[in-house]
Amino acid sequence: MAYFRRIDDRHFAPTELVGGAWNVTEQHVAPAIGLLAHAIEVDAKARRPDPLQLGRLSYDILGTIPLDTVEIDVSVIRPGRTIELVEARLSHGGRPAILLRAWLAQAYDTSAIAGGGFDPIPGPETMAPWDGTGEWPGGFIASIDARRQYVAPGRAIGWIRTPHALIEDEAVSSLARAMGLVDTANGLAPLVSTAEAAFPNLDLTAHIFRAPVGEWLGCDVTVSFGTDGIGLTHSILHDRDGAIGTVSQWLTIRPR
């Protein structure tokens, strides 16, 4: 089973695997985030013979999404030969639910100067399985295979993969597939339990400097809460070869 089934060029039907963690009758936004990244890549390939690569993906989560058919529209905000800013909107019943603005850039060969200062993380085989369903209900969390090294409240390192396709009978890039998992980071290292507070994210912004390789996505997660109901989940993303980028999720914290 896949997370979505394509109906036509713009419409997608979710399966039971998309069930949410805060509310099981709503969609978990993680698969939809991957779906929007895929839509931008498909649009780029259809528009130009030399499609650009995704580098920054900034999502605004405008509201909840029922477990029902959604539609996606893509538009180019800033066209260019080597750089473009593209917007993708996911809506349900005419109401926008997630807005993605993504920067795309031309690829250059920088292998001779590639590198960085991010520390490596232990591989998934060194960590115990993480069963997130004890804290998080819904079809999506139940669908993933995860490993976790717990450090402290608000700090953990985890690896996530899924045996399920993002879209039924449709190939997607390694980046779109990874983007369909990254929202899980907010649940890997909670600072408090969901019995104490709700802390959904209102956005998700990823900066990617290398396309991921392989099935595992690593997340080095740090969660911080402020004193006035605002928080941040920040993660360094990895594959088995090292860091690939970062993701930040801005939280609204609501004590029970």
Protein backbone atom coordinates (compact mmCIF):
# COMPACT_ATOMS: atom_id res chain seq x y z
CA MET A 1 0.00 0.00 0.00
CA ALA A 2 1.13 3.55 -0.77
CA TYR A 3 0.37 6.78 1.11
CA PHE A 4 -1.49 8.31 -1.84
CA ARG A 5 -3.18 7.18 -5.03
CA ARG A 6 -3.08 9.55 -7.99
CA ILE A 7 -6.52 10.29 -9.43
CA ASP A 8 -5.46 12.72 -12.19
CA ASP A 9 -2.85 15.43 -12.82
CA ARG A 10 -3.94 17.46 -9.78
CA HIS A 11 -5.88 15.19 -7.43
CA PHE A 12 -4.64 12.58 -4.95
CA ALA A 13 -6.54 10.26 -2.61
CA PRO A 14 -4.91 9.36 0.75
CA THR A 15 -4.91 5.83 2.08
CA GLU A 16 -5.28 4.70 5.69
CA LEU A 17 -1.50 5.01 6.09
CA VAL A 18 -1.88 8.82 6.18
CA GLY A 19 -3.85 8.86 9.44
CA GLY A 20 -2.70 11.67 11.73
CA ALA A 21 -0.96 11.58 15.10
CA TRP A 22 -2.76 14.51 16.76
CA ASN A 23 -6.11 13.38 15.33
CA VAL A 24 -6.53 10.01 13.62
CA THR A 25 -9.44 11.32 11.51
CA GLU A 26 -7.13 13.86 9.85
CA GLN A 27 -4.10 13.49 7.61
CA HIS A 28 -0.61 13.48 9.06
CA VAL A 29 1.14 16.29 7.19
CA ALA A 30 4.35 14.27 6.62
CA PRO A 31 3.18 12.42 3.47
CA ALA A 32 1.57 15.61 2.11
CA ILE A 33 4.89 17.43 2.55
CA GLY A 34 6.56 14.78 0.40
CA LEU A 35 3.72 14.95 -2.12
CA LEU A 36 4.21 18.70 -2.60
CA ALA A 37 7.96 18.29 -3.16
CA HIS A 38 7.21 15.63 -5.77
CA ALA A 39 4.68 17.93 -7.48
CA ILE A 40 7.30 20.66 -7.88
CA GLU A 41 9.81 18.21 -9.33
CA VAL A 42 7.23 16.83 -11.79
CA ASP A 43 6.31 20.36 -12.86
CA ALA A 44 9.95 21.32 -13.38
CA LYS A 45 10.60 18.28 -15.57
CA ALA A 46 7.50 19.07 -17.66
CA ARG A 47 8.43 22.73 -18.16
CA ARG A 48 12.10 22.57 -19.09
CA PRO A 49 14.65 20.15 -20.56
CA ASP A 50 17.15 20.95 -17.79
CA PRO A 51 15.11 20.79 -14.56
CA LEU A 52 16.68 22.53 -11.60
CA GLN A 53 17.28 20.89 -8.21
CA LEU A 54 15.37 21.60 -5.01
CA GLY A 55 17.45 23.29 -2.33
CA ARG A 56 15.14 25.14 0.07
CA LEU A 57 11.61 24.00 0.87
CA SER A 58 9.50 26.21 3.13
CA TYR A 59 6.06 24.90 4.09
CA ASP A 60 3.31 26.81 5.87
CA ILE A 61 0.66 24.55 7.41
CA LEU A 62 -2.56 26.55 7.10
CA GLY A 63 -4.99 24.06 8.60
CA THR A 64 -5.95 20.47 9.18
CA ILE A 65 -6.61 18.09 6.29
CA PRO A 66 -9.37 15.45 6.41
CA LEU A 67 -8.72 11.94 5.11
CA ASP A 68 -10.13 12.86 1.73
CA THR A 69 -8.98 13.72 -1.79
CA VAL A 70 -6.69 16.73 -2.07
CA GLU A 71 -5.65 18.83 -5.04
CA ILE A 72 -2.29 20.40 -5.85
CA ASP A 73 -1.56 23.47 -7.97
CA VAL A 74 1.96 24.58 -8.92
CA SER A 75 3.00 28.04 -10.14
CA VAL A 76 6.33 29.69 -10.89
CA ILE A 77 6.80 32.88 -8.89
CA ARG A 78 10.29 33.80 -10.06
CA PRO A 79 11.32 32.12 -13.32
CA GLY A 80 14.97 31.97 -14.29
CA ARG A 81 17.56 30.13 -16.30
CA THR A 82 19.62 28.97 -13.30
CA ILE A 83 17.41 29.80 -10.28
CA GLU A 84 13.64 29.61 -9.78
CA LEU A 85 11.18 30.21 -6.95
CA VAL A 86 8.17 27.90 -7.28
CA GLU A 87 5.00 27.62 -5.21
CA ALA A 88 2.85 24.52 -4.68
CA ARG A 89 -0.51 24.62 -2.89
CA LEU A 90 -2.32 21.64 -1.42
CA SER A 91 -6.05 22.24 -0.95
CA HIS A 92 -9.13 20.33 0.13
CA GLY A 93 -12.57 21.41 -1.10
CA GLY A 94 -11.14 24.70 -2.35
CA ARG A 95 -9.52 25.53 1.02
CA PRO A 96 -5.70 25.78 1.02
CA ALA A 97 -4.14 23.53 3.67
CA ILE A 98 -0.38 23.57 2.98
CA LEU A 99 1.61 26.14 1.02
CA LEU A 100 5.14 25.30 -0.17
CA ARG A 101 7.58 27.83 -1.57
CA ALA A 102 10.74 26.23 -2.91
CA TRP A 103 13.96 27.56 -4.36
CA LEU A 104 15.45 25.52 -7.17
CA ALA A 105 18.96 25.97 -8.55
CA GLN A 106 21.10 24.67 -11.37
CA ALA A 107 23.50 21.85 -10.58
CA TYR A 108 27.26 22.43 -10.83
CA ASP A 109 30.10 20.01 -10.22
CA THR A 110 31.46 20.99 -6.79
CA SER A 111 32.71 17.52 -5.81
CA ALA A 112 36.29 18.80 -5.53
CA ILE A 113 35.34 21.24 -2.75
CA ALA A 114 32.47 19.36 -1.07
CA GLY A 115 32.55 19.02 2.71
CA GLY A 116 31.16 20.49 5.92
CA GLY A 117 31.33 20.77 9.68
CA PHE A 118 28.37 18.65 10.78
CA ASP A 119 29.29 15.80 13.11
CA PRO A 120 28.37 12.27 11.97
CA ILE A 121 25.74 10.30 13.86
CA PRO A 122 25.66 6.59 14.75
CA GLY A 123 24.01 4.33 12.19
CA PRO A 124 20.56 2.79 12.60
CA GLU A 125 21.98 -0.64 13.37
CA THR A 126 23.42 0.76 16.64
CA MET A 127 20.01 1.87 17.94
CA ALA A 128 16.98 0.13 19.41
CA PRO A 129 13.71 0.11 17.47
CA TRP A 130 11.40 3.00 18.34
CA ASP A 131 7.68 2.23 18.53
CA GLY A 132 6.15 5.67 18.28
CA THR A 133 2.61 4.32 18.47
CA GLY A 134 2.82 4.32 22.26
CA GLU A 135 2.72 8.12 22.19
CA TRP A 136 1.41 8.84 18.70
CA PRO A 137 -1.68 7.12 17.24
CA GLY A 138 -2.68 7.04 13.60
CA GLY A 139 -1.77 5.19 10.43
CA PHE A 140 1.31 7.18 9.50
CA ILE A 141 3.38 6.59 12.64
CA ALA A 142 2.33 2.91 12.56
CA SER A 143 3.59 2.69 8.95
CA ILE A 144 7.21 3.71 9.55
CA ASP A 145 10.25 1.75 10.71
CA ALA A 146 12.28 3.83 13.17
CA ARG A 147 15.33 3.56 15.41
CA ARG A 148 16.11 5.99 18.23
CA GLN A 149 18.94 6.88 20.58
CA TYR A 150 17.33 8.85 23.40
CA VAL A 151 19.61 11.45 24.98
CA ALA A 152 17.36 13.60 27.20
CA PRO A 153 13.96 15.30 27.02
CA GLY A 154 14.14 17.35 23.83
CA ARG A 155 17.25 15.54 22.50
CA ALA A 156 17.42 12.36 20.44
CA ILE A 157 18.99 10.88 17.35
CA GLY A 158 16.75 8.79 15.15
CA TRP A 159 16.61 6.98 11.84
CA ILE A 160 13.39 6.60 9.85
CA ARG A 161 12.42 4.61 6.78
CA THR A 162 9.21 3.29 5.30
CA PRO A 163 8.44 0.22 3.20
CA HIS A 164 5.57 2.08 1.53
CA ALA A 165 5.63 4.15 -1.67
CA LEU A 166 4.65 7.80 -1.48
CA ILE A 167 2.33 7.45 -4.51
CA GLU A 168 0.93 4.19 -5.81
CA ASP A 169 2.72 2.96 -8.98
CA GLU A 170 4.68 6.20 -9.35
CA ALA A 171 8.41 6.79 -9.06
CA VAL A 172 9.53 9.65 -6.82
CA SER A 173 12.97 11.09 -6.14
CA SER A 174 14.97 10.25 -3.05
CA LEU A 175 14.46 13.83 -1.85
CA ALA A 176 10.66 13.75 -2.19
CA ARG A 177 10.63 10.41 -0.42
CA ALA A 178 12.74 11.82 2.44
CA MET A 179 10.59 14.94 2.66
CA GLY A 180 7.64 12.62 3.22
CA LEU A 181 9.29 11.53 6.49
CA VAL A 182 10.92 14.67 7.94
CA ASP A 183 7.90 15.94 9.87
CA THR A 184 8.34 12.91 12.14
CA ALA A 185 11.28 14.71 13.77
CA ASN A 186 8.90 16.67 16.02
CA GLY A 187 7.78 13.42 17.62
CA LEU A 188 11.17 11.74 17.98
CA ALA A 189 12.43 13.85 20.88
CA PRO A 190 9.49 15.45 22.72
CA LEU A 191 10.38 17.80 25.52
CA VAL A 192 7.16 16.85 27.36
CA SER A 193 4.55 14.15 26.84
CA THR A 194 1.43 14.77 24.78
CA ALA A 195 -0.55 14.39 28.03
CA GLU A 196 1.14 17.55 29.32
CA ALA A 197 0.88 19.72 26.20
CA ALA A 198 0.07 19.74 22.51
CA PHE A 199 2.90 21.10 20.37
CA PRO A 200 1.98 20.89 16.66
CA ASN A 201 4.18 22.66 14.15
CA LEU A 202 2.80 25.48 12.03
CA ASP A 203 5.58 25.32 9.48
CA LEU A 204 8.49 23.23 8.27
CA THR A 205 11.53 24.64 6.50
CA ALA A 206 14.24 22.43 5.04
CA HIS A 207 17.60 23.50 3.60
CA ILE A 208 19.12 20.68 1.56
CA PHE A 209 22.69 20.74 0.22
CA ARG A 210 22.89 17.13 -0.99
CA ALA A 211 20.25 14.72 -2.26
CA PRO A 212 19.80 11.78 0.14
CA VAL A 213 20.96 8.30 -0.78
CA GLY A 214 19.38 5.06 0.45
CA GLU A 215 16.23 4.23 2.39
CA TRP A 216 17.20 5.59 5.83
CA LEU A 217 16.76 9.22 6.88
CA GLY A 218 18.69 10.26 10.00
CA CYS A 219 17.54 13.07 12.28
CA ASP A 220 19.70 14.66 14.98
CA VAL A 221 16.89 16.42 16.86
CA THR A 222 16.84 19.26 19.41
CA VAL A 223 13.56 20.63 20.80
CA SER A 224 13.25 23.93 22.67
CA PHE A 225 10.19 25.54 24.33
CA GLY A 226 9.96 29.22 25.18
CA THR A 227 8.00 30.72 28.10
CA ASP A 228 5.09 32.10 26.06
CA GLY A 229 3.76 29.16 24.09
CA ILE A 230 6.24 29.05 21.20
CA GLY A 231 8.79 26.33 20.49
CA LEU A 232 11.24 25.04 17.91
CA THR A 233 12.22 21.59 16.72
CA HIS A 234 15.53 21.74 14.85
CA SER A 235 17.10 18.72 13.17
CA ILE A 236 20.25 17.99 11.20
CA LEU A 237 19.33 15.51 8.46
CA HIS A 238 21.59 12.63 7.46
CA ASP A 239 21.88 9.63 5.23
CA ARG A 240 24.46 6.90 5.77
CA ASP A 241 27.10 9.04 4.00
CA GLY A 242 26.72 12.03 6.31
CA ALA A 243 24.70 15.22 6.68
CA ILE A 244 22.41 16.32 3.86
CA GLY A 245 20.76 19.43 5.33
CA THR A 246 18.65 20.81 8.15
CA VAL A 247 14.97 21.18 8.98
CA SER A 248 13.22 23.49 11.45
CA GLN A 249 9.65 23.27 12.72
CA TRP A 250 8.03 26.23 14.52
CA LEU A 251 5.69 25.01 17.28
CA THR A 252 2.62 26.34 18.99
CA ILE A 253 2.64 24.95 22.55
CA ARG A 254 -0.70 24.45 24.26
CA PRO A 255 -0.64 23.11 27.86
CA ARG A 256 -3.36 20.57 28.61
